[in-house]
Amino acid sequence: MSIRLAKNRVRQVERCLGVQPVRPILAILLIMTTGLVPCLFAQKVEKAGRKVIVTVKPEYPETLQRAQIGGLVRLSVTVAANGAVSKVQIRGGNPILAECASSAVMKWKYVPAAAETDEEVSINFSPH
């Protein structure tokens, strides 16, 4: 941000507040923090997860499907070094659908890696 833009912003703030002596302090703060603003609003970059090589489709209970009950189920999955799923934790979603998703994901197989990893899995159940 240029110094001229910073000064214009200071003037705008002063007009809103009706205060004059704020100018030097506010100008210094605006100039110092403008380089930080893009960092503060940057999106988090998610690491690339391990590739799934075998998936099992979760069972969708017929009663829930007929009742038009669906939604997103979020799971945290611990994958062993050999690619087998060792633990599944339910993070959100309908409890019945989450159990169905959890039992299916326990049968998934990932690409082997050097160490155990934690993966985030989302499964959408759509009654349509």
C-alpha atoms as a PDB file:
ATOM      1  CA  MET A   1       0.000   0.000   0.000  1.00  0.00           C
ATOM      2  CA  SER A   2       1.359   3.415  -0.871  1.00  0.00           C
ATOM      3  CA  ILE A   3       1.830   6.153   1.678  1.00  0.00           C
ATOM      4  CA  ARG A   4      -0.775   8.269  -0.122  1.00  0.00           C
ATOM      5  CA  LEU A   5      -3.394   5.528   0.273  1.00  0.00           C
ATOM      6  CA  ALA A   6      -2.486   5.161   3.942  1.00  0.00           C
ATOM      7  CA  LYS A   7      -2.899   8.897   4.476  1.00  0.00           C
ATOM      8  CA  ASN A   8      -6.282   8.841   2.738  1.00  0.00           C
ATOM      9  CA  ARG A   9      -7.437   6.049   5.026  1.00  0.00           C
ATOM     10  CA  VAL A  10      -6.216   7.995   8.054  1.00  0.00           C
ATOM     11  CA  ARG A  11      -8.245  11.008   6.924  1.00  0.00           C
ATOM     12  CA  GLN A  12     -11.327   8.815   6.492  1.00  0.00           C
ATOM     13  CA  VAL A  13     -10.943   7.443  10.015  1.00  0.00           C
ATOM     14  CA  GLU A  14     -10.412  10.928  11.416  1.00  0.00           C
ATOM     15  CA  ARG A  15     -13.581  12.181   9.708  1.00  0.00           C
ATOM     16  CA  CYS A  16     -15.560   9.287  11.144  1.00  0.00           C
ATOM     17  CA  LEU A  17     -14.138   9.794  14.622  1.00  0.00           C
ATOM     18  CA  GLY A  18     -13.996  13.578  14.432  1.00  0.00           C
ATOM     19  CA  VAL A  19     -10.449  13.536  15.829  1.00  0.00           C
ATOM     20  CA  GLN A  20      -7.309  15.214  14.445  1.00  0.00           C
ATOM     21  CA  PRO A  21      -4.360  14.130  16.642  1.00  0.00           C
ATOM     22  CA  VAL A  22      -4.794  10.488  15.607  1.00  0.00           C
ATOM     23  CA  ARG A  23      -3.089  11.132  12.270  1.00  0.00           C
ATOM     24  CA  PRO A  24       0.593  10.390  13.042  1.00  0.00           C
ATOM     25  CA  ILE A  25      -0.058   7.291  15.146  1.00  0.00           C
ATOM     26  CA  LEU A  26      -2.676   5.874  12.799  1.00  0.00           C
ATOM     27  CA  ALA A  27      -0.511   6.509   9.741  1.00  0.00           C
ATOM     28  CA  ILE A  28       2.388   4.625  11.282  1.00  0.00           C
ATOM     29  CA  LEU A  29       0.144   1.700  12.261  1.00  0.00           C
ATOM     30  CA  LEU A  30      -1.421   1.486   8.806  1.00  0.00           C
ATOM     31  CA  ILE A  31       1.957   1.510   7.079  1.00  0.00           C
ATOM     32  CA  MET A  32       3.375  -1.112   9.436  1.00  0.00           C
ATOM     33  CA  THR A  33       0.451  -3.528   9.211  1.00  0.00           C
ATOM     34  CA  THR A  34      -0.403  -3.379   5.512  1.00  0.00           C
ATOM     35  CA  GLY A  35       2.188  -6.036   4.725  1.00  0.00           C
ATOM     36  CA  LEU A  36       0.570  -8.386   7.246  1.00  0.00           C
ATOM     37  CA  VAL A  37      -2.973  -8.142   5.946  1.00  0.00           C
ATOM     38  CA  PRO A  38      -2.601 -10.647   3.080  1.00  0.00           C
ATOM     39  CA  CYS A  39      -1.109 -13.156   5.508  1.00  0.00           C
ATOM     40  CA  LEU A  40      -3.996 -12.776   7.927  1.00  0.00           C
ATOM     41  CA  PHE A  41      -6.638 -13.504   5.298  1.00  0.00           C
ATOM     42  CA  ALA A  42      -4.801 -16.248   3.425  1.00  0.00           C
ATOM     43  CA  GLN A  43      -6.588 -19.560   3.203  1.00  0.00           C
ATOM     44  CA  LYS A  44      -5.095 -22.570   4.905  1.00  0.00           C
ATOM     45  CA  VAL A  45      -3.383 -24.926   2.523  1.00  0.00           C
ATOM     46  CA  GLU A  46      -4.327 -28.491   3.291  1.00  0.00           C
ATOM     47  CA  LYS A  47      -1.751 -31.177   2.896  1.00  0.00           C
ATOM     48  CA  ALA A  48      -2.378 -33.767   0.237  1.00  0.00           C
ATOM     49  CA  GLY A  49      -3.792 -36.886   1.863  1.00  0.00           C
ATOM     50  CA  ARG A  50      -2.887 -40.462   1.145  1.00  0.00           C
ATOM     51  CA  LYS A  51      -4.489 -42.001  -1.897  1.00  0.00           C
ATOM     52  CA  VAL A  52      -7.296 -44.475  -1.308  1.00  0.00           C
ATOM     53  CA  ILE A  53      -6.838 -47.644  -3.371  1.00  0.00           C
ATOM     54  CA  VAL A  54      -9.820 -49.705  -2.128  1.00  0.00           C
ATOM     55  CA  THR A  55     -13.154 -48.220  -1.069  1.00  0.00           C
ATOM     56  CA  VAL A  56     -16.310 -49.829   0.237  1.00  0.00           C
ATOM     57  CA  LYS A  57     -19.586 -48.014  -0.329  1.00  0.00           C
ATOM     58  CA  PRO A  58     -21.443 -47.418   2.956  1.00  0.00           C
ATOM     59  CA  GLU A  59     -24.796 -49.050   3.508  1.00  0.00           C
ATOM     60  CA  TYR A  60     -27.664 -46.535   3.358  1.00  0.00           C
ATOM     61  CA  PRO A  61     -30.497 -47.742   5.642  1.00  0.00           C
ATOM     62  CA  GLU A  62     -33.680 -48.057   3.620  1.00  0.00           C
ATOM     63  CA  THR A  63     -35.811 -46.484   6.355  1.00  0.00           C
ATOM     64  CA  LEU A  64     -33.677 -43.333   6.359  1.00  0.00           C
ATOM     65  CA  GLN A  65     -33.656 -43.216   2.571  1.00  0.00           C
ATOM     66  CA  ARG A  66     -37.467 -43.504   2.409  1.00  0.00           C
ATOM     67  CA  ALA A  67     -37.784 -40.812   5.092  1.00  0.00           C
ATOM     68  CA  GLN A  68     -35.569 -38.516   2.947  1.00  0.00           C
ATOM     69  CA  ILE A  69     -32.950 -38.336   5.720  1.00  0.00           C
ATOM     70  CA  GLY A  70     -29.444 -37.740   4.445  1.00  0.00           C
ATOM     71  CA  GLY A  71     -26.527 -35.428   4.897  1.00  0.00           C
ATOM     72  CA  LEU A  72     -22.790 -35.184   5.233  1.00  0.00           C
ATOM     73  CA  VAL A  73     -20.832 -37.381   7.634  1.00  0.00           C
ATOM     74  CA  ARG A  74     -17.341 -36.241   8.663  1.00  0.00           C
ATOM     75  CA  LEU A  75     -14.779 -38.743   9.932  1.00  0.00           C
ATOM     76  CA  SER A  76     -11.191 -38.665  11.172  1.00  0.00           C
ATOM     77  CA  VAL A  77      -9.388 -41.772  10.019  1.00  0.00           C
ATOM     78  CA  THR A  78      -6.096 -43.146  11.363  1.00  0.00           C
ATOM     79  CA  VAL A  79      -4.260 -45.084   8.666  1.00  0.00           C
ATOM     80  CA  ALA A  80      -1.423 -47.466   9.562  1.00  0.00           C
ATOM     81  CA  ALA A  81       1.831 -47.453   7.628  1.00  0.00           C
ATOM     82  CA  ASN A  82       0.719 -50.517   5.634  1.00  0.00           C
ATOM     83  CA  GLY A  83      -2.401 -48.648   4.412  1.00  0.00           C
ATOM     84  CA  ALA A  84      -4.993 -50.361   6.600  1.00  0.00           C
ATOM     85  CA  VAL A  85      -7.476 -48.205   8.516  1.00  0.00           C
ATOM     86  CA  SER A  86      -6.799 -48.704  12.218  1.00  0.00           C
ATOM     87  CA  LYS A  87      -9.236 -46.235  13.799  1.00  0.00           C
ATOM     88  CA  VAL A  88     -12.225 -44.106  12.765  1.00  0.00           C
ATOM     89  CA  GLN A  89     -13.603 -41.228  14.827  1.00  0.00           C
ATOM     90  CA  ILE A  90     -16.942 -39.629  14.000  1.00  0.00           C
ATOM     91  CA  ARG A  91     -16.668 -35.824  13.757  1.00  0.00           C
ATOM     92  CA  GLY A  92     -20.172 -34.949  12.645  1.00  0.00           C
ATOM     93  CA  GLY A  93     -23.370 -35.973  10.926  1.00  0.00           C
ATOM     94  CA  ASN A  94     -26.421 -38.113  11.573  1.00  0.00           C
ATOM     95  CA  PRO A  95     -25.450 -40.767  14.152  1.00  0.00           C
ATOM     96  CA  ILE A  96     -26.984 -43.676  12.231  1.00  0.00           C
ATOM     97  CA  LEU A  97     -25.412 -42.621   8.930  1.00  0.00           C
ATOM     98  CA  ALA A  98     -22.127 -41.982  10.728  1.00  0.00           C
ATOM     99  CA  GLU A  99     -22.046 -45.569  12.005  1.00  0.00           C
ATOM    100  CA  CYS A 100     -22.713 -46.872   8.492  1.00  0.00           C
ATOM    101  CA  ALA A 101     -19.957 -44.672   7.082  1.00  0.00           C
ATOM    102  CA  SER A 102     -17.562 -45.649   9.862  1.00  0.00           C
ATOM    103  CA  SER A 103     -17.996 -49.383   9.300  1.00  0.00           C
ATOM    104  CA  ALA A 104     -17.477 -48.940   5.541  1.00  0.00           C
ATOM    105  CA  VAL A 105     -14.340 -46.780   5.950  1.00  0.00           C
ATOM    106  CA  MET A 106     -12.809 -49.372   8.289  1.00  0.00           C
ATOM    107  CA  LYS A 107     -12.667 -51.648   5.214  1.00  0.00           C
ATOM    108  CA  TRP A 108     -10.876 -49.069   3.039  1.00  0.00           C
ATOM    109  CA  LYS A 109      -7.271 -49.542   1.990  1.00  0.00           C
ATOM    110  CA  TYR A 110      -4.793 -46.696   1.442  1.00  0.00           C
ATOM    111  CA  VAL A 111      -1.439 -46.584  -0.331  1.00  0.00           C
ATOM    112  CA  PRO A 112       1.329 -47.709   2.073  1.00  0.00           C
ATOM    113  CA  ALA A 113       3.481 -44.947   3.579  1.00  0.00           C
ATOM    114  CA  ALA A 114       6.504 -44.600   5.840  1.00  0.00           C
ATOM    115  CA  ALA A 115       4.427 -43.809   8.937  1.00  0.00           C
ATOM    116  CA  GLU A 116       0.895 -43.756  10.358  1.00  0.00           C
ATOM    117  CA  THR A 117      -1.194 -40.789   9.178  1.00  0.00           C
ATOM    118  CA  ASP A 118      -4.483 -39.108  10.056  1.00  0.00           C
ATOM    119  CA  GLU A 119      -6.892 -38.413   7.213  1.00  0.00           C
ATOM    120  CA  GLU A 120     -10.159 -36.469   7.044  1.00  0.00           C
ATOM    121  CA  VAL A 121     -13.012 -38.188   5.191  1.00  0.00           C
ATOM    122  CA  SER A 122     -16.417 -36.766   4.261  1.00  0.00           C
ATOM    123  CA  ILE A 123     -19.209 -38.982   2.949  1.00  0.00           C
ATOM    124  CA  ASN A 124     -22.444 -37.563   1.598  1.00  0.00           C
ATOM    125  CA  PHE A 125     -25.664 -39.555   1.897  1.00  0.00           C
ATOM    126  CA  SER A 126     -28.257 -38.308  -0.568  1.00  0.00           C
ATOM    127  CA  PRO A 127     -31.791 -39.731  -0.456  1.00  0.00           C
ATOM    128  CA  HIS A 128     -32.502 -38.632  -4.059  1.00  0.00           C
END
